[in-house]
N, C-alpha and C. Protein backbone atom coordinates (compact mmCIF):
# COMPACT_ATOMS: atom_id res chain seq x y z
N MET A 1 92.94 30.66 188.44
CA MET A 1 92.77 30.43 187.03
C MET A 1 91.86 31.07 186.44
N LEU A 2 92.00 31.97 185.28
CA LEU A 2 90.71 32.81 185.05
C LEU A 2 90.00 32.28 184.14
N LEU A 3 88.39 32.00 184.28
CA LEU A 3 87.66 30.98 183.50
C LEU A 3 86.64 32.46 182.40
N ASN A 4 86.66 32.05 180.96
CA ASN A 4 86.25 32.68 180.14
C ASN A 4 85.23 31.75 179.34
N ASN A 5 84.10 32.05 179.21
CA ASN A 5 82.90 31.11 178.71
C ASN A 5 82.67 31.46 176.98
N VAL A 6 84.11 32.03 176.47
CA VAL A 6 83.90 32.72 175.12
C VAL A 6 85.13 31.60 174.10
N ASP A 7 84.73 31.00 173.26
CA ASP A 7 85.57 30.28 172.59
C ASP A 7 85.61 30.59 171.22
N ALA A 8 87.01 30.43 170.85
CA ALA A 8 87.78 30.81 169.47
C ALA A 8 87.09 29.82 168.47
N ILE A 9 86.74 30.16 167.35
CA ILE A 9 86.09 29.07 166.41
C ILE A 9 86.93 28.90 165.04
N PRO A 10 87.83 27.74 164.72
CA PRO A 10 88.58 27.40 163.89
C PRO A 10 87.49 27.81 162.38
N HIS A 11 88.23 28.34 161.43
CA HIS A 11 87.67 28.61 159.95
C HIS A 11 86.80 27.64 159.28
N ALA A 12 87.26 26.40 159.72
CA ALA A 12 86.35 25.24 158.94
C ALA A 12 85.16 24.87 159.82
N LYS A 13 84.91 25.41 161.03
CA LYS A 13 83.82 25.16 162.14
C LYS A 13 83.20 26.05 162.15
N VAL A 14 83.12 27.39 161.43
CA VAL A 14 81.93 28.15 161.47
C VAL A 14 80.93 27.97 160.64
N ILE A 15 79.95 27.13 161.12
CA ILE A 15 78.77 27.18 160.03
C ILE A 15 77.21 27.65 160.68
N ASN A 16 76.93 27.77 161.82
CA ASN A 16 75.77 28.13 162.53
C ASN A 16 76.23 28.34 163.62
N SER A 17 75.12 28.94 164.52
CA SER A 17 75.09 29.42 166.01
C SER A 17 74.32 28.52 166.68
N LYS A 18 74.59 28.38 167.60
CA LYS A 18 73.10 27.41 168.70
C LYS A 18 72.52 28.39 169.14
N GLN A 19 71.07 27.80 169.72
CA GLN A 19 69.97 28.68 169.91
C GLN A 19 70.25 29.57 170.99
N ASP A 20 70.99 28.95 171.81
CA ASP A 20 71.55 29.72 173.29
C ASP A 20 73.12 30.31 173.36
N ARG A 21 73.60 30.77 172.05
CA ARG A 21 74.67 31.65 172.01
C ARG A 21 74.77 31.91 170.75
N GLY A 22 75.79 33.09 170.43
CA GLY A 22 75.87 33.65 169.32
C GLY A 22 77.15 33.54 169.01
N ILE A 23 77.63 33.98 167.87
CA ILE A 23 78.97 33.80 166.80
C ILE A 23 79.45 35.22 166.85
N ALA A 24 80.27 35.79 166.98
CA ALA A 24 81.22 37.09 166.54
C ALA A 24 81.83 36.73 165.98
N ILE A 25 82.26 37.97 165.08
CA ILE A 25 83.18 38.00 163.93
C ILE A 25 83.74 39.17 164.03
N VAL A 26 85.43 39.55 164.51
CA VAL A 26 86.30 40.50 164.23
C VAL A 26 87.35 40.14 163.54
N GLY A 27 87.33 41.75 162.71
CA GLY A 27 88.71 41.62 162.04
C GLY A 27 90.02 42.82 162.63
N VAL A 28 90.47 42.30 162.66
CA VAL A 28 92.06 43.12 162.78
C VAL A 28 93.32 43.20 162.34
N ALA A 29 94.00 44.57 162.19
CA ALA A 29 94.69 44.86 160.60
C ALA A 29 95.92 45.85 161.59
N VAL A 30 97.04 45.94 161.13
CA VAL A 30 97.97 47.09 161.76
C VAL A 30 98.05 47.70 160.82
N GLU A 31 97.82 49.28 160.38
CA GLU A 31 98.11 49.83 159.35
C GLU A 31 99.60 50.96 159.53
N GLY A 32 99.67 51.23 160.89
CA GLY A 32 100.41 51.95 161.86
C GLY A 32 101.64 51.42 161.87
N VAL A 33 102.74 51.71 162.47
CA VAL A 33 103.63 51.61 163.26
C VAL A 33 103.44 51.17 164.67
N TRP A 34 103.87 49.82 164.81
CA TRP A 34 103.45 49.10 166.19
C TRP A 34 104.75 48.96 166.69
N ASN A 35 105.00 49.06 167.79
CA ASN A 35 106.19 48.85 168.57
C ASN A 35 106.77 47.46 169.08
N TYR A 36 106.03 46.97 169.37
CA TYR A 36 106.01 45.45 169.99
C TYR A 36 105.50 44.89 168.84
N PRO A 37 105.95 42.98 169.10
CA PRO A 37 105.82 42.11 168.46
C PRO A 37 104.39 41.67 168.01
N ARG A 38 103.36 41.89 168.65
CA ARG A 38 101.66 41.62 168.14
C ARG A 38 101.38 42.50 168.83
N PHE A 39 100.38 43.09 168.14
CA PHE A 39 98.72 43.97 168.21
C PHE A 39 98.05 43.04 168.93
N SER A 40 97.19 43.30 170.09
CA SER A 40 96.32 42.36 171.25
C SER A 40 95.20 43.53 170.76
N LEU A 41 93.86 43.01 171.13
CA LEU A 41 92.78 43.38 171.15
C LEU A 41 91.78 42.75 171.66
N SER A 42 91.17 43.36 172.76
CA SER A 42 89.72 42.55 173.70
C SER A 42 88.70 43.07 173.29
N LEU A 43 87.96 42.70 173.43
CA LEU A 43 86.26 42.89 173.60
C LEU A 43 85.72 42.28 174.89
N ASP A 44 85.35 43.21 175.78
CA ASP A 44 84.97 42.47 177.15
C ASP A 44 83.24 42.52 177.23
N GLU A 45 82.93 41.57 178.10
CA GLU A 45 81.63 41.47 177.96
C GLU A 45 80.86 42.55 178.78
N TYR A 46 79.77 43.25 178.38
CA TYR A 46 79.48 44.50 179.11
C TYR A 46 77.94 44.29 179.73
N SER A 47 77.68 44.51 180.98
CA SER A 47 76.36 44.80 181.74
C SER A 47 75.62 46.02 181.35
N LEU A 48 74.63 46.31 180.58
CA LEU A 48 74.22 47.68 180.48
C LEU A 48 73.40 48.26 181.91
N GLU A 49 72.90 47.11 182.28
CA GLU A 49 72.29 47.22 183.93
C GLU A 49 73.19 47.87 184.32
N LYS A 50 74.57 46.95 184.93
CA LYS A 50 75.42 47.46 185.88
C LYS A 50 76.05 48.87 185.15
N GLN A 51 76.44 49.07 184.08
CA GLN A 51 77.46 49.74 183.27
C GLN A 51 78.78 49.57 183.46
N ALA A 52 78.91 48.24 183.52
CA ALA A 52 80.23 47.80 183.47
C ALA A 52 80.54 46.66 182.91
N ILE A 53 81.62 46.22 183.04
CA ILE A 53 82.18 44.58 182.39
C ILE A 53 81.65 43.74 183.15
N THR A 54 81.05 42.53 182.92
CA THR A 54 80.72 41.75 183.66
C THR A 54 81.97 40.83 184.40
N GLY A 55 81.52 40.06 185.16
CA GLY A 55 82.50 39.31 185.82
C GLY A 55 83.45 39.54 186.93
N ASN A 56 84.41 39.22 187.36
CA ASN A 56 85.60 39.17 188.69
C ASN A 56 86.79 38.84 188.04
N CYS A 57 87.41 38.97 189.16
CA CYS A 57 88.89 38.36 189.25
C CYS A 57 88.83 37.20 188.63
N TRP A 58 87.85 35.90 188.89
CA TRP A 58 87.84 34.65 188.62
C TRP A 58 87.44 34.26 187.43
N ARG A 59 86.45 35.23 186.73
CA ARG A 59 85.56 34.86 186.01
C ARG A 59 85.16 36.08 184.70
N PHE A 60 85.36 36.15 183.74
CA PHE A 60 84.77 37.33 182.75
C PHE A 60 84.94 36.73 181.58
N ASN A 61 84.36 37.31 180.94
CA ASN A 61 84.16 36.92 179.11
C ASN A 61 84.62 37.89 178.37
N ARG A 62 85.41 37.23 177.53
CA ARG A 62 86.21 38.28 176.41
C ARG A 62 86.56 37.65 175.25
N MET A 63 86.72 38.33 174.16
CA MET A 63 87.30 37.90 173.23
C MET A 63 88.46 38.77 172.98
N THR A 64 89.48 37.44 172.48
CA THR A 64 90.94 38.35 172.47
C THR A 64 91.50 37.75 171.21
N THR A 65 92.05 39.22 170.50
CA THR A 65 92.70 38.53 169.29
C THR A 65 94.02 39.15 169.34
N SER A 66 94.92 38.64 168.47
CA SER A 66 96.26 39.01 168.35
C SER A 66 97.20 38.47 166.96
N VAL A 67 97.63 39.73 166.64
CA VAL A 67 98.10 39.90 165.20
C VAL A 67 99.12 39.96 165.13
N PRO A 68 100.21 39.76 164.49
CA PRO A 68 101.59 40.21 164.46
C PRO A 68 101.73 41.34 163.97
N LYS A 69 102.53 42.28 164.23
CA LYS A 69 102.76 43.58 163.89
C LYS A 69 102.89 43.99 162.60
N GLU A 70 103.29 42.91 162.16
CA GLU A 70 103.46 43.32 160.58
C GLU A 70 102.34 42.73 159.73
N THR A 71 100.62 42.71 160.10
CA THR A 71 99.65 42.22 159.54
C THR A 71 99.19 43.77 159.11
N LYS A 72 99.28 43.55 157.67
CA LYS A 72 98.98 44.48 157.08
C LYS A 72 97.28 44.60 156.53
N SER A 73 97.10 43.03 156.17
CA SER A 73 95.52 42.96 155.75
C SER A 73 95.01 42.34 156.88
N LEU A 74 93.70 42.49 156.46
CA LEU A 74 93.00 42.34 157.76
C LEU A 74 92.65 40.21 157.85
N GLN A 75 92.79 40.32 159.53
CA GLN A 75 92.76 38.54 159.53
C GLN A 75 91.22 38.83 160.71
N TYR A 76 90.78 37.76 160.24
CA TYR A 76 89.33 37.48 161.38
C TYR A 76 89.40 36.48 162.21
N PHE A 77 88.69 36.96 163.36
CA PHE A 77 88.64 35.92 164.25
C PHE A 77 87.41 35.74 164.58
N VAL A 78 86.79 34.66 164.73
CA VAL A 78 85.35 34.11 165.10
C VAL A 78 85.25 33.70 166.47
N PHE A 79 84.24 33.94 167.16
CA PHE A 79 83.98 33.39 168.64
C PHE A 79 82.56 32.93 168.61
N ASP A 80 82.65 31.97 169.59
CA ASP A 80 81.22 31.18 169.92
C ASP A 80 81.38 31.92 171.35
N LEU A 81 80.31 32.58 172.11
CA LEU A 81 80.20 33.41 172.99
C LEU A 81 78.34 33.75 173.51
N ALA A 82 78.66 33.78 174.79
CA ALA A 82 77.32 33.76 175.68
C ALA A 82 76.54 35.08 174.69
N PRO A 83 75.39 35.36 174.40
CA PRO A 83 74.77 36.40 173.98
C PRO A 83 74.55 37.73 174.91
N GLY A 84 74.64 38.97 174.45
CA GLY A 84 75.09 40.07 175.24
C GLY A 84 75.10 40.79 174.38
N TYR A 85 76.15 41.94 175.35
CA TYR A 85 76.55 43.15 174.84
C TYR A 85 78.52 43.19 175.00
N TYR A 86 79.20 43.54 174.23
CA TYR A 86 80.54 43.30 174.62
C TYR A 86 81.23 44.61 173.98
N THR A 87 82.18 45.46 174.59
CA THR A 87 82.81 46.72 174.40
C THR A 87 84.29 46.44 174.30
N TYR A 88 85.03 47.57 174.15
CA TYR A 88 86.61 47.77 174.36
C TYR A 88 86.64 47.03 175.74
N SER A 89 87.77 46.22 175.86
CA SER A 89 88.56 46.07 177.21
C SER A 89 88.83 47.80 177.35
N PRO A 90 89.16 47.68 179.19
CA PRO A 90 89.73 49.07 179.73
C PRO A 90 91.40 48.93 179.25
N PHE A 91 92.07 47.87 178.53
CA PHE A 91 93.05 48.03 178.46
C PHE A 91 93.10 48.32 177.03
N ASN A 92 92.26 48.27 176.10
CA ASN A 92 92.63 49.24 174.85
C ASN A 92 91.48 49.93 174.40
N LEU A 93 91.17 50.97 174.92
CA LEU A 93 90.12 51.70 174.92
C LEU A 93 90.61 52.62 173.67
N PRO A 94 89.80 53.00 172.52
CA PRO A 94 90.58 53.74 171.08
C PRO A 94 90.77 55.32 171.79
N ASN A 95 89.97 55.71 172.59
CA ASN A 95 90.33 56.93 173.29
C ASN A 95 90.13 56.73 174.75
N PRO A 96 91.03 56.80 175.45
CA PRO A 96 90.77 56.37 177.31
C PRO A 96 90.42 57.47 178.17
N HIS A 97 90.00 58.76 177.25
CA HIS A 97 89.40 60.20 178.19
C HIS A 97 88.17 60.10 177.77
N SER A 98 87.58 59.28 176.73
CA SER A 98 86.28 59.66 176.26
C SER A 98 85.23 58.80 177.72
N GLU A 99 84.04 59.77 177.61
CA GLU A 99 83.29 59.31 178.72
C GLU A 99 82.27 58.07 178.58
N GLN A 100 82.36 57.51 177.10
CA GLN A 100 81.22 56.76 176.47
C GLN A 100 82.27 56.23 175.15
N VAL A 101 82.00 54.72 174.78
CA VAL A 101 82.13 53.86 173.82
C VAL A 101 81.45 53.43 173.22
N GLN A 102 81.49 52.30 172.17
CA GLN A 102 80.49 51.85 171.61
C GLN A 102 80.46 50.28 172.21
N GLY A 103 79.35 49.97 172.37
CA GLY A 103 79.22 48.84 172.73
C GLY A 103 78.08 47.74 171.56
N PHE A 104 78.85 46.74 171.36
CA PHE A 104 78.17 46.00 170.19
C PHE A 104 77.03 44.38 170.81
N HIS A 105 76.20 44.37 169.97
CA HIS A 105 75.28 43.58 170.76
C HIS A 105 75.30 42.33 169.72
N VAL A 106 75.26 41.27 170.55
CA VAL A 106 75.71 40.10 170.01
C VAL A 106 74.37 39.22 170.42
N PRO A 107 73.40 38.59 169.42
CA PRO A 107 72.36 38.10 170.10
C PRO A 107 72.58 36.32 169.95
N ALA A 108 71.58 35.84 170.63
CA ALA A 108 71.70 34.41 170.66
C ALA A 108 71.33 33.78 169.19
N GLY A 109 71.74 32.63 168.78
CA GLY A 109 71.34 32.14 167.81
C GLY A 109 71.56 32.93 166.19
N GLN A 110 72.47 33.86 166.04
CA GLN A 110 72.48 34.41 165.11
C GLN A 110 74.39 34.79 164.98
N ILE A 111 74.86 34.87 163.76
CA ILE A 111 76.37 34.99 163.58
C ILE A 111 76.25 36.65 163.36
N THR A 112 77.35 37.54 163.97
CA THR A 112 77.25 38.75 163.76
C THR A 112 78.61 39.36 163.45
N TYR A 113 78.65 40.27 162.66
CA TYR A 113 79.93 41.00 162.35
C TYR A 113 79.91 41.91 163.42
N ILE A 114 81.01 42.13 164.05
CA ILE A 114 81.15 43.36 164.79
C ILE A 114 81.64 44.39 164.11
N GLY A 115 83.02 44.64 163.45
CA GLY A 115 83.43 45.14 162.59
C GLY A 115 85.03 44.83 162.51
N ASP A 116 85.72 46.11 161.73
CA ASP A 116 87.03 45.71 161.78
C ASP A 116 87.70 46.98 162.61
N PHE A 117 88.93 46.14 163.39
CA PHE A 117 89.68 46.92 164.51
C PHE A 117 91.11 47.02 163.50
N ILE A 118 91.64 48.48 163.16
CA ILE A 118 92.45 48.97 162.53
C ILE A 118 93.96 49.97 163.63
N TYR A 119 94.73 49.15 164.07
CA TYR A 119 95.68 50.35 164.38
C TYR A 119 96.20 50.89 163.19
N THR A 120 96.08 52.14 163.55
CA THR A 120 95.84 53.26 161.91
C THR A 120 97.40 54.08 162.36
N GLU A 121 97.55 54.77 161.16
CA GLU A 121 98.91 55.57 161.18
C GLU A 121 99.42 56.43 162.32
N ASP A 122 97.68 57.07 162.93
CA ASP A 122 97.77 58.03 163.66
C ASP A 122 97.47 57.96 165.29
N LYS A 123 98.37 56.16 165.41
CA LYS A 123 98.58 55.76 166.83
C LYS A 123 97.05 55.22 167.38
N SER A 124 96.35 55.29 166.57
CA SER A 124 94.73 54.80 167.42
C SER A 124 94.15 53.62 166.67
N ILE A 125 93.21 53.12 167.17
CA ILE A 125 91.97 52.06 166.92
C ILE A 125 91.16 52.73 166.30
N GLU A 126 91.19 52.36 164.94
CA GLU A 126 89.56 52.37 164.15
C GLU A 126 89.04 51.59 163.89
N LEU A 127 87.83 51.99 164.17
CA LEU A 127 86.73 50.97 163.98
C LEU A 127 86.18 50.93 162.42
N ARG A 128 86.09 50.05 161.73
CA ARG A 128 85.72 50.07 160.35
C ARG A 128 84.29 49.23 160.24
N ARG A 129 83.13 49.96 159.67
CA ARG A 129 81.81 48.46 159.79
C ARG A 129 81.52 48.73 158.54
N ASN A 130 82.01 48.30 157.24
CA ASN A 130 82.06 48.05 155.87
C ASN A 130 80.81 46.66 155.75
N TYR A 131 79.72 47.36 156.19
CA TYR A 131 78.54 46.14 155.85
C TYR A 131 77.59 47.01 154.71
N PRO A 132 76.72 45.99 153.86
CA PRO A 132 77.10 44.98 153.45
C PRO A 132 78.31 44.36 152.41
N GLY A 133 79.04 45.37 152.59
CA GLY A 133 80.23 45.01 151.41
C GLY A 133 81.45 43.59 152.13
N ILE A 134 81.53 43.73 153.01
CA ILE A 134 82.22 42.94 153.67
C ILE A 134 81.74 41.37 153.59
N GLU A 135 79.82 41.48 153.23
CA GLU A 135 79.63 40.15 153.55
C GLU A 135 79.66 39.24 152.89
N ALA A 136 80.33 39.41 151.13
CA ALA A 136 80.95 38.41 150.07
C ALA A 136 82.06 37.95 150.86
N GLU A 137 82.97 39.12 151.28
CA GLU A 137 84.38 38.36 151.76
C GLU A 137 84.10 37.55 153.30
N LEU A 138 83.11 37.79 153.70
CA LEU A 138 83.02 36.88 155.07
C LEU A 138 82.77 35.34 154.19
N LYS A 139 81.98 35.51 153.54
CA LYS A 139 81.33 34.05 153.05
C LYS A 139 82.39 33.23 152.54
N GLN A 140 83.12 33.94 151.32
CA GLN A 140 84.49 33.23 150.97
C GLN A 140 85.16 32.76 152.07
N ALA A 141 85.75 33.64 153.18
CA ALA A 141 86.27 33.24 154.41
C ALA A 141 86.01 31.96 154.85
N TYR A 142 84.58 31.90 154.93
CA TYR A 142 83.75 31.16 155.79
C TYR A 142 82.87 30.39 154.96
N PRO A 143 83.21 29.39 154.23
CA PRO A 143 82.21 28.99 153.07
C PRO A 143 81.60 27.66 153.73
N ASN A 144 81.45 27.50 155.10
CA ASN A 144 80.56 26.96 155.46
C ASN A 144 79.54 27.62 156.54
N ILE A 145 79.33 28.63 156.34
CA ILE A 145 78.40 29.35 157.04
C ILE A 145 76.75 28.70 156.14
N LYS A 146 76.09 28.68 157.32
CA LYS A 146 74.72 27.94 156.96
C LYS A 146 73.59 29.33 157.17
N SER A 147 73.95 30.55 157.54
CA SER A 147 73.00 31.21 157.85
C SER A 147 73.62 32.88 157.66
N THR A 148 72.57 33.80 157.32
CA THR A 148 72.97 35.61 156.88
C THR A 148 73.75 35.90 157.89
N VAL A 149 74.71 36.23 157.96
CA VAL A 149 75.83 37.15 158.89
C VAL A 149 75.24 38.40 158.98
N LYS A 150 75.06 39.28 160.64
CA LYS A 150 74.17 40.12 160.40
C LYS A 150 75.17 41.33 161.24
N LEU A 151 75.11 42.38 160.89
CA LEU A 151 76.11 43.22 161.75
C LEU A 151 75.59 44.03 162.45
N ALA A 152 76.29 43.81 163.77
CA ALA A 152 76.04 44.24 165.20
C ALA A 152 75.24 45.44 165.22
N GLU A 153 74.38 45.32 166.07
CA GLU A 153 73.93 46.84 166.62
C GLU A 153 75.00 47.41 167.53
N THR A 154 74.90 48.40 167.73
CA THR A 154 75.80 49.45 168.59
C THR A 154 74.90 50.07 169.37
N VAL A 155 75.50 50.65 170.55
CA VAL A 155 74.78 51.54 171.48
C VAL A 155 76.15 51.86 172.22
N LEU A 156 75.52 53.22 172.47
CA LEU A 156 76.86 53.65 173.60
C LEU A 156 77.15 53.51 174.94
N VAL A 157 77.97 53.02 175.56
CA VAL A 157 77.89 52.86 176.90
C VAL A 157 78.70 53.34 177.67
N LYS A 158 78.56 53.19 179.32
CA LYS A 158 79.95 54.00 179.56
C LYS A 158 81.12 53.44 179.46
N ARG A 159 81.85 54.02 179.76
CA ARG A 159 83.62 53.91 179.56
C ARG A 159 84.06 52.67 181.10
N PRO A 160 83.87 51.39 180.08
CA PRO A 160 84.40 50.47 181.00
C PRO A 160 85.81 50.99 182.01
N HIS A 161 86.09 50.19 183.16
CA HIS A 161 87.00 50.75 184.12
C HIS A 161 87.77 49.41 184.40
N LEU A 162 88.98 49.36 184.71
CA LEU A 162 89.50 48.22 185.08
C LEU A 162 89.45 47.81 186.14
N PHE A 163 89.41 46.51 186.66
CA PHE A 163 89.07 46.03 188.14
C PHE A 163 90.34 45.24 188.77
N LEU A 164 90.51 45.80 189.85
CA LEU A 164 91.35 45.28 191.02
C LEU A 164 91.29 44.08 191.53
N CYS A 165 92.37 43.22 191.16
CA CYS A 165 92.42 41.80 192.10
C CYS A 165 93.38 42.04 192.75
N ALA A 166 93.41 41.76 193.95
CA ALA A 166 94.23 41.88 195.30
C ALA A 166 94.12 40.29 196.11
N PRO A 167 94.47 39.67 196.51
CA PRO A 167 94.38 39.15 197.86
C PRO A 167 93.90 39.35 199.04
């Protein structure tokens, strides 16, 4: 059993973050031709000190999204999570040959917009961060929000590697 301390939040329940937790908002859409039934994206918790994703074979924190391949308009996903840094899962790095990728900081007690991850016509994942333009759209999508949605701070991090789990 794999343990994950990240919980998806239904739209109506997005109100405010707890003091010791963060809330992250992620948008996902498919503009290009995706040859599988669903397009998935995961963002894993990342340790700046260890320069690696946190956890092990039995426990690691990650945000996971999945949309039908026909999803042209943005679908938003909201997660209650441990505060810290999150980055692309090694399974869906936008450029698998890059030595560094973007990490996103989600602080405690705050609602944080990470960005919109779009699978494009050129068969890559593009990150779009239209902030503050997106703020009104997010407030419309989540009318119960009681605090300001802030843009996630970014930092370049060492490209995460897969960890192998074997008996």
